[in-house]
N, C-alpha and C. Protein backbone atom coordinates (compact mmCIF):
# COMPACT_ATOMS: atom_id res chain seq x y z
N UNK A 1 77.17 -58.90 40.48
CA UNK A 1 77.76 -57.38 40.65
C UNK A 1 77.19 -56.46 40.30
N UNK A 2 77.10 -54.88 40.99
CA UNK A 2 76.15 -54.14 40.45
C UNK A 2 77.47 -52.94 40.78
N UNK A 3 77.31 -52.13 39.74
CA UNK A 3 78.83 -51.35 39.14
C UNK A 3 78.18 -49.90 39.57
N UNK A 4 78.81 -49.17 40.35
CA UNK A 4 78.68 -48.05 41.32
C UNK A 4 78.01 -46.85 40.19
N UNK A 5 77.62 -45.94 40.42
CA UNK A 5 77.19 -44.72 39.88
C UNK A 5 78.34 -43.76 39.22
N UNK A 6 79.35 -43.86 40.46
CA UNK A 6 80.76 -43.07 39.88
C UNK A 6 81.71 -43.98 38.44
N UNK A 7 81.21 -45.01 38.85
CA UNK A 7 82.00 -46.23 37.65
C UNK A 7 81.08 -46.04 36.85
N UNK A 8 79.70 -46.09 36.20
CA UNK A 8 78.87 -45.78 35.39
C UNK A 8 79.04 -44.35 34.78
N UNK A 9 78.98 -42.99 35.51
CA UNK A 9 79.70 -42.16 35.07
C UNK A 9 80.77 -42.19 34.59
N UNK A 10 81.78 -43.01 35.03
CA UNK A 10 83.27 -42.45 34.28
C UNK A 10 83.56 -43.27 33.20
N UNK A 11 82.54 -44.71 32.50
CA UNK A 11 82.54 -45.04 31.89
C UNK A 11 81.66 -44.59 30.42
N UNK A 12 80.79 -43.95 31.00
CA UNK A 12 79.91 -43.09 30.16
C UNK A 12 80.82 -41.63 29.66
N UNK A 13 81.42 -40.98 30.33
CA UNK A 13 82.57 -40.15 29.98
C UNK A 13 83.39 -40.54 29.14
N UNK A 14 84.22 -41.95 29.27
CA UNK A 14 85.14 -42.04 28.37
C UNK A 14 84.46 -42.46 26.89
N UNK A 15 83.19 -42.97 27.14
CA UNK A 15 82.86 -43.41 25.65
C UNK A 15 82.30 -42.07 24.87
N UNK A 16 82.23 -41.11 25.32
CA UNK A 16 81.70 -39.91 24.77
C UNK A 16 83.26 -39.50 24.26
N UNK A 17 83.91 -39.09 25.20
CA UNK A 17 85.16 -38.60 24.74
C UNK A 17 85.79 -38.73 23.88
N UNK A 18 85.64 -40.19 23.39
CA UNK A 18 86.49 -41.28 22.28
C UNK A 18 85.32 -41.44 21.31
N UNK A 19 84.02 -41.06 21.05
CA UNK A 19 83.51 -40.99 20.12
C UNK A 19 83.84 -40.18 18.89
N UNK A 20 83.77 -40.69 17.62
CA UNK A 20 83.02 -41.74 17.15
C UNK A 20 83.88 -42.95 17.33
N UNK A 21 84.86 -43.08 17.90
CA UNK A 21 85.38 -44.69 18.10
C UNK A 21 84.96 -45.10 19.02
N UNK A 22 85.23 -46.44 18.72
CA UNK A 22 84.69 -47.21 20.33
C UNK A 22 85.89 -46.91 21.75
N UNK A 23 85.21 -46.84 22.66
CA UNK A 23 86.19 -46.99 23.66
C UNK A 23 86.26 -48.24 24.29
N UNK A 24 87.05 -48.46 24.99
CA UNK A 24 87.34 -49.81 25.93
C UNK A 24 88.11 -49.71 27.37
N UNK A 25 87.63 -50.40 27.72
CA UNK A 25 88.78 -50.42 29.70
C UNK A 25 88.37 -51.85 30.18
N UNK A 26 88.71 -51.71 31.23
CA UNK A 26 88.55 -52.42 32.40
C UNK A 26 88.27 -52.17 33.89
N UNK A 27 87.40 -52.65 34.29
CA UNK A 27 86.73 -52.16 36.02
C UNK A 27 87.21 -53.34 36.76
N UNK A 28 88.09 -53.09 37.81
CA UNK A 28 88.66 -53.98 38.94
C UNK A 28 88.43 -53.29 39.93
N UNK A 29 88.23 -53.82 40.89
CA UNK A 29 87.70 -53.77 42.52
C UNK A 29 87.49 -55.04 43.62
N UNK A 30 86.83 -54.69 44.39
CA UNK A 30 86.28 -55.75 45.49
C UNK A 30 85.09 -55.87 45.72
N UNK A 31 84.35 -54.92 44.83
CA UNK A 31 82.72 -54.87 44.87
C UNK A 31 82.54 -53.54 44.92
N UNK A 32 82.78 -52.85 46.58
CA UNK A 32 82.30 -51.32 46.74
C UNK A 32 83.58 -50.59 46.33
N UNK A 33 84.74 -51.20 46.02
CA UNK A 33 85.87 -50.24 45.60
C UNK A 33 86.29 -50.44 44.33
N UNK A 34 85.55 -49.59 43.22
CA UNK A 34 85.74 -49.79 41.98
C UNK A 34 86.49 -48.99 41.13
N UNK A 35 87.55 -49.36 40.16
CA UNK A 35 88.64 -48.61 39.47
C UNK A 35 87.90 -48.52 38.10
N UNK A 36 88.07 -47.62 37.31
CA UNK A 36 87.57 -47.53 36.03
C UNK A 36 89.16 -47.43 34.87
N UNK A 37 89.64 -48.51 34.58
CA UNK A 37 91.09 -48.37 33.21
C UNK A 37 90.63 -48.22 32.36
N UNK A 38 90.92 -46.79 31.87
CA UNK A 38 90.74 -46.72 30.50
C UNK A 38 91.55 -47.29 29.27
N UNK A 39 91.45 -47.90 28.68
CA UNK A 39 92.50 -48.68 28.07
C UNK A 39 92.53 -47.76 26.12
N UNK A 40 93.37 -48.05 26.09
CA UNK A 40 93.61 -47.21 24.52
C UNK A 40 93.00 -48.46 23.72
N UNK A 41 92.16 -47.79 22.50
CA UNK A 41 91.60 -48.75 21.24
C UNK A 41 93.09 -48.74 20.31
N UNK A 42 93.61 -49.86 20.20
CA UNK A 42 94.63 -50.00 19.10
C UNK A 42 94.13 -50.57 17.79
N UNK A 43 92.88 -50.27 17.71
CA UNK A 43 92.20 -51.14 16.19
C UNK A 43 92.76 -50.17 15.22
N UNK A 44 93.08 -48.88 15.02
CA UNK A 44 93.22 -47.68 14.15
C UNK A 44 94.42 -47.91 13.44
N UNK A 45 95.64 -48.18 14.47
CA UNK A 45 96.71 -49.09 14.18
C UNK A 45 96.85 -50.07 13.22
N UNK A 46 96.39 -51.13 13.97
CA UNK A 46 96.19 -52.48 13.52
C UNK A 46 95.53 -52.70 11.99
N UNK A 47 94.35 -51.79 11.81
CA UNK A 47 93.63 -51.47 10.37
C UNK A 47 95.02 -50.76 9.68
N UNK A 48 95.46 -49.92 10.05
CA UNK A 48 96.65 -49.10 9.19
C UNK A 48 97.78 -49.95 8.95
N UNK A 49 98.08 -50.63 9.64
CA UNK A 49 99.24 -51.73 9.33
C UNK A 49 98.79 -53.00 8.79
N UNK A 50 97.48 -53.55 8.95
CA UNK A 50 97.21 -54.81 7.79
C UNK A 50 96.23 -54.49 7.65
N UNK A 51 95.50 -54.11 6.69
CA UNK A 51 93.97 -53.41 6.43
C UNK A 51 93.24 -54.60 6.16
N UNK A 52 94.24 -56.01 5.84
CA UNK A 52 93.65 -57.06 5.23
C UNK A 52 92.81 -58.04 6.22
N UNK A 53 94.13 -58.23 7.31
CA UNK A 53 93.75 -58.94 8.46
C UNK A 53 92.58 -58.10 9.23
N UNK A 54 92.74 -57.07 9.19
CA UNK A 54 91.56 -55.43 10.46
C UNK A 54 91.35 -55.10 9.34
N UNK A 55 89.96 -55.33 9.05
CA UNK A 55 89.47 -54.70 8.12
C UNK A 55 88.91 -53.21 8.55
N UNK A 56 88.44 -53.68 9.67
CA UNK A 56 87.61 -52.60 10.38
C UNK A 56 88.04 -51.70 11.31
N UNK A 57 88.10 -50.12 11.20
CA UNK A 57 88.44 -49.19 11.96
C UNK A 57 87.82 -48.88 13.52
N UNK A 58 88.53 -48.02 14.18
CA UNK A 58 88.27 -47.98 15.36
C UNK A 58 86.51 -47.40 15.64
N UNK A 59 85.94 -47.14 14.50
CA UNK A 59 84.20 -46.83 14.69
C UNK A 59 83.54 -47.99 14.92
N UNK A 60 84.18 -49.19 14.64
CA UNK A 60 83.17 -50.12 14.31
C UNK A 60 83.93 -51.58 15.16
N UNK A 61 85.02 -51.59 15.78
CA UNK A 61 85.82 -52.31 16.09
C UNK A 61 86.58 -52.15 17.36
N UNK A 62 87.21 -52.84 18.60
CA UNK A 62 88.44 -52.52 19.52
C UNK A 62 88.83 -53.37 19.59
N UNK A 63 90.61 -53.23 20.15
CA UNK A 63 91.25 -54.36 20.24
C UNK A 63 92.18 -53.53 22.07
N UNK A 64 92.45 -54.27 22.82
CA UNK A 64 93.29 -53.71 23.60
C UNK A 64 94.24 -54.55 23.45
N UNK A 65 95.52 -53.75 23.50
CA UNK A 65 96.69 -54.00 23.41
C UNK A 65 96.95 -55.09 24.73
N UNK A 66 97.35 -56.43 24.27
CA UNK A 66 97.75 -57.26 25.45
C UNK A 66 98.46 -56.97 26.34
N UNK A 67 99.57 -56.55 26.22
CA UNK A 67 100.50 -55.95 27.38
C UNK A 67 100.04 -54.74 28.21
N UNK A 68 99.14 -54.04 28.01
CA UNK A 68 98.52 -53.17 28.63
C UNK A 68 97.04 -53.65 29.43
N UNK A 69 96.60 -54.91 28.89
CA UNK A 69 95.49 -55.73 29.38
C UNK A 69 96.36 -56.42 30.43
N UNK A 70 97.33 -57.48 30.32
CA UNK A 70 97.78 -58.07 31.34
C UNK A 70 98.74 -57.01 32.46
N UNK A 71 98.91 -56.04 32.01
CA UNK A 71 99.27 -54.84 33.18
C UNK A 71 98.32 -54.65 34.39
N UNK A 72 97.42 -54.33 33.74
CA UNK A 72 96.40 -53.73 34.10
C UNK A 72 95.71 -55.41 35.61
N UNK A 73 95.44 -56.48 34.75
CA UNK A 73 94.46 -57.29 35.74
C UNK A 73 95.92 -58.00 36.26
N UNK A 74 97.40 -57.91 35.92
CA UNK A 74 97.85 -58.51 37.01
C UNK A 74 98.48 -57.59 38.26
N UNK A 75 98.00 -56.08 38.19
CA UNK A 75 98.44 -55.30 39.23
C UNK A 75 97.05 -55.24 40.08
N UNK A 76 95.80 -55.53 39.46
CA UNK A 76 94.60 -55.98 40.20
C UNK A 76 94.89 -57.15 41.21
N UNK A 77 95.39 -57.97 40.65
CA UNK A 77 95.28 -59.28 41.32
C UNK A 77 96.35 -59.12 42.44
N UNK A 78 97.42 -58.57 42.27
CA UNK A 78 98.47 -58.29 43.42
C UNK A 78 97.99 -57.67 44.49
N UNK A 79 96.91 -56.55 44.24
CA UNK A 79 95.96 -55.56 45.16
C UNK A 79 95.46 -56.43 45.79
N UNK A 80 94.99 -57.75 45.45
CA UNK A 80 93.73 -58.37 45.86
C UNK A 80 92.57 -57.83 45.60
N UNK A 81 92.49 -57.37 44.06
CA UNK A 81 91.44 -56.98 43.10
C UNK A 81 90.86 -57.98 42.49
N UNK A 82 89.58 -57.65 41.77
CA UNK A 82 89.40 -58.51 40.72
C UNK A 82 89.10 -58.03 39.40
N UNK A 83 88.77 -58.59 38.40
CA UNK A 83 88.47 -58.04 37.22
C UNK A 83 86.88 -58.21 37.37
N UNK A 84 86.54 -57.07 37.70
CA UNK A 84 85.00 -56.83 37.75
C UNK A 84 84.28 -56.74 36.37
N UNK A 85 84.88 -56.07 35.66
CA UNK A 85 83.78 -55.69 34.16
C UNK A 85 84.98 -55.37 32.76
N UNK A 86 84.50 -55.51 31.95
CA UNK A 86 85.31 -55.41 30.60
C UNK A 86 84.16 -54.37 30.26
N UNK A 87 84.29 -53.10 29.27
CA UNK A 87 83.57 -52.42 28.87
C UNK A 87 83.97 -52.08 27.38
N UNK A 88 83.35 -51.35 26.59
CA UNK A 88 83.60 -51.20 25.27
C UNK A 88 82.07 -50.22 24.72
N UNK A 89 82.31 -49.27 23.75
CA UNK A 89 80.96 -48.40 23.14
C UNK A 89 80.66 -48.87 21.66
N UNK A 90 79.70 -48.91 21.33
CA UNK A 90 79.03 -48.85 19.92
C UNK A 90 78.80 -47.57 19.86
N UNK A 91 79.26 -46.86 18.78
CA UNK A 91 79.02 -45.76 18.35
C UNK A 91 78.02 -45.62 17.45
N UNK A 92 76.76 -45.27 17.17
CA UNK A 92 75.76 -44.78 16.26
C UNK A 92 75.15 -46.59 16.33
N UNK A 93 75.27 -47.29 17.28
CA UNK A 93 74.46 -48.52 17.26
C UNK A 93 73.95 -48.72 18.75
N UNK A 94 73.19 -49.87 18.87
CA UNK A 94 72.44 -50.23 19.91
C UNK A 94 73.63 -51.01 20.99
N UNK A 95 73.47 -51.22 22.23
CA UNK A 95 74.38 -52.17 23.31
C UNK A 95 73.63 -53.07 23.12
N UNK A 96 74.66 -54.06 22.46
CA UNK A 96 74.26 -55.59 22.01
C UNK A 96 75.42 -56.10 22.20
N UNK A 97 75.53 -57.36 22.43
CA UNK A 97 76.95 -58.08 22.25
C UNK A 97 77.04 -59.05 21.44
N UNK A 98 77.73 -58.08 20.21
CA UNK A 98 77.46 -58.93 19.01
C UNK A 98 78.58 -60.15 18.83
N UNK A 99 78.33 -60.43 17.26
CA UNK A 99 78.95 -62.06 17.17
C UNK A 99 80.48 -61.64 17.76
N UNK A 100 81.23 -60.60 17.15
CA UNK A 100 82.63 -60.24 16.95
C UNK A 100 82.74 -59.99 18.70
N UNK A 101 81.71 -59.43 19.24
CA UNK A 101 82.38 -59.35 20.79
C UNK A 101 82.26 -60.81 21.23
N UNK A 102 81.41 -61.65 20.70
CA UNK A 102 81.20 -63.06 21.38
C UNK A 102 82.89 -63.66 21.09
N UNK A 103 83.40 -63.50 19.94
CA UNK A 103 84.42 -64.30 19.41
C UNK A 103 85.60 -64.11 19.94
N UNK A 104 85.58 -62.14 19.98
CA UNK A 104 86.74 -61.54 20.80
C UNK A 104 86.72 -61.91 22.47
N UNK A 105 86.01 -62.18 22.78
CA UNK A 105 85.85 -62.87 24.24
C UNK A 105 85.92 -64.10 24.73
N UNK A 106 85.78 -65.04 23.56
CA UNK A 106 85.91 -66.51 23.73
C UNK A 106 86.76 -67.19 22.80
N UNK A 107 88.32 -66.39 22.96
CA UNK A 107 88.86 -67.17 22.22
C UNK A 107 89.31 -68.60 22.53
N UNK A 108 89.41 -68.87 23.80
CA UNK A 108 89.64 -70.30 24.04
C UNK A 108 88.77 -71.12 24.52
N UNK A 109 87.06 -70.78 24.13
CA UNK A 109 85.93 -71.61 24.24
C UNK A 109 85.10 -70.87 25.22
N UNK A 110 85.70 -69.81 26.23
CA UNK A 110 85.36 -68.92 27.30
C UNK A 110 86.18 -67.92 28.08
N UNK A 111 85.27 -66.92 28.22
CA UNK A 111 86.16 -65.92 28.79
C UNK A 111 87.16 -66.11 29.63
N UNK A 112 88.55 -64.85 29.50
CA UNK A 112 89.48 -65.32 30.36
C UNK A 112 88.82 -65.36 31.77
N UNK A 113 88.09 -64.16 31.86
CA UNK A 113 87.31 -63.85 33.10
C UNK A 113 85.86 -63.99 33.33
N UNK A 114 85.41 -65.23 33.37
CA UNK A 114 83.88 -65.74 32.89
C UNK A 114 82.98 -65.34 34.49
N UNK A 115 83.76 -64.39 35.58
CA UNK A 115 82.65 -64.21 36.20
C UNK A 115 82.60 -62.92 36.19
N UNK A 116 83.45 -61.91 35.07
CA UNK A 116 82.87 -60.52 34.85
C UNK A 116 81.92 -60.15 33.84
N UNK A 117 81.50 -59.15 34.63
CA UNK A 117 80.51 -58.30 33.63
C UNK A 117 80.92 -57.93 32.45
N UNK A 118 80.17 -57.89 31.19
CA UNK A 118 80.53 -57.15 29.84
C UNK A 118 79.75 -56.19 29.67
N UNK A 119 80.10 -55.02 29.36
CA UNK A 119 79.61 -53.68 29.75
C UNK A 119 79.59 -53.22 27.89
N UNK A 120 78.10 -52.93 27.23
CA UNK A 120 78.55 -52.42 26.32
C UNK A 120 77.59 -50.63 26.08
N UNK A 121 78.02 -49.74 25.58
CA UNK A 121 77.09 -48.83 26.09
C UNK A 121 76.79 -48.24 24.37
N UNK A 122 75.80 -47.88 24.04
CA UNK A 122 75.56 -47.18 23.20
C UNK A 122 75.56 -45.87 22.95
N UNK A 123 76.28 -45.12 21.91
CA UNK A 123 76.51 -43.80 21.80
C UNK A 123 76.08 -43.54 20.56
N UNK A 124 74.96 -42.17 20.43
CA UNK A 124 74.38 -41.73 19.55
C UNK A 124 74.58 -40.22 19.52
N UNK A 125 75.11 -39.81 18.14
CA UNK A 125 75.12 -38.41 18.03
C UNK A 125 76.18 -38.04 19.21
N UNK A 126 76.84 -38.37 19.76
CA UNK A 126 77.99 -37.84 20.71
C UNK A 126 77.02 -38.01 22.31
N UNK A 127 76.42 -38.43 22.41
CA UNK A 127 75.56 -38.57 23.74
C UNK A 127 75.40 -40.28 23.61
N UNK A 128 75.11 -40.72 25.48
CA UNK A 128 75.06 -41.81 25.92
C UNK A 128 73.75 -42.30 25.41
N UNK A 129 73.36 -43.40 24.53
CA UNK A 129 71.98 -43.84 24.40
C UNK A 129 71.35 -44.57 25.36
N UNK A 130 72.49 -45.92 25.56
CA UNK A 130 72.08 -46.88 26.49
C UNK A 130 73.01 -47.61 26.81
N UNK A 131 72.91 -48.74 27.76
CA UNK A 131 73.84 -49.58 28.37
C UNK A 131 73.34 -50.69 28.50
N UNK A 132 74.11 -51.88 28.14
CA UNK A 132 73.37 -53.23 28.71
C UNK A 132 74.56 -53.52 29.16
N UNK A 133 74.57 -54.98 30.00
CA UNK A 133 75.21 -55.38 30.47
C UNK A 133 75.11 -57.16 30.44
N UNK A 134 76.24 -57.75 30.17
CA UNK A 134 75.69 -58.93 29.90
C UNK A 134 76.78 -60.14 30.94
N UNK A 135 76.63 -61.21 30.97
CA UNK A 135 77.12 -62.19 31.72
C UNK A 135 77.29 -63.53 31.22
N UNK A 136 78.63 -64.07 31.54
CA UNK A 136 78.82 -65.70 30.59
C UNK A 136 77.88 -66.68 31.43
N UNK A 137 77.09 -67.66 30.69
CA UNK A 137 76.99 -68.76 31.22
C UNK A 137 77.80 -70.47 30.92
N UNK A 138 78.45 -70.43 31.56
CA UNK A 138 79.67 -71.60 31.04
C UNK A 138 78.69 -72.65 30.52
N UNK A 139 77.65 -73.30 31.57
CA UNK A 139 77.05 -74.47 31.02
C UNK A 139 76.21 -74.33 29.71
N UNK A 140 75.53 -72.91 29.22
CA UNK A 140 75.10 -72.86 27.93
C UNK A 140 76.20 -72.40 26.39
N UNK A 141 77.29 -71.74 27.25
CA UNK A 141 78.44 -71.33 26.54
C UNK A 141 78.05 -70.28 25.69
N UNK A 142 77.14 -69.08 26.28
CA UNK A 142 76.79 -68.11 25.90
C UNK A 142 76.92 -66.80 26.68
N UNK A 143 76.50 -65.83 26.39
CA UNK A 143 77.06 -64.46 27.05
C UNK A 143 74.39 -63.84 26.83
N UNK A 144 74.50 -63.57 28.32
CA UNK A 144 73.22 -63.32 28.57
C UNK A 144 73.01 -61.99 29.08
N UNK A 145 71.77 -60.89 28.62
CA UNK A 145 71.84 -59.85 29.39
C UNK A 145 71.29 -60.31 30.83
N UNK A 146 71.97 -58.89 31.49
CA UNK A 146 71.81 -59.29 33.03
C UNK A 146 71.61 -57.57 33.59
N UNK A 147 70.90 -57.32 34.41
CA UNK A 147 70.71 -55.82 34.63
C UNK A 147 71.66 -55.28 35.69
N UNK A 148 72.74 -54.11 35.53
CA UNK A 148 73.37 -53.65 36.19
C UNK A 148 73.46 -53.09 37.83
């Protein structure tokens, strides 16, 4: 799956606008027609409500509300679209797939959307520094970097 120039620009803009917090979102479509769904990062709210369970704030973590996630993915399915990618940013850090990212995406041993790209955008000093894409490899049970 190749992300369109418009899709990449939209997620870059989202990452810059949300900086210094992590942005997050879902990309749906049919390959050529791609829609970027900006999601709310509820990590700060979770951290405020229960700092022991959620010790990190939105500068170093993200959570998409499950209802928002299911609304987007269900709507896409009804329209005959697929979840093409999931994305989030790493403010002041490189674009790598962290252990926390792996744990969040493989709650039941594999991703909910194993064919989707996982996109990580590095934002430093309020500017996009880098972007990397990762894919799930079922047999190895790991994510590996791919070109976009």
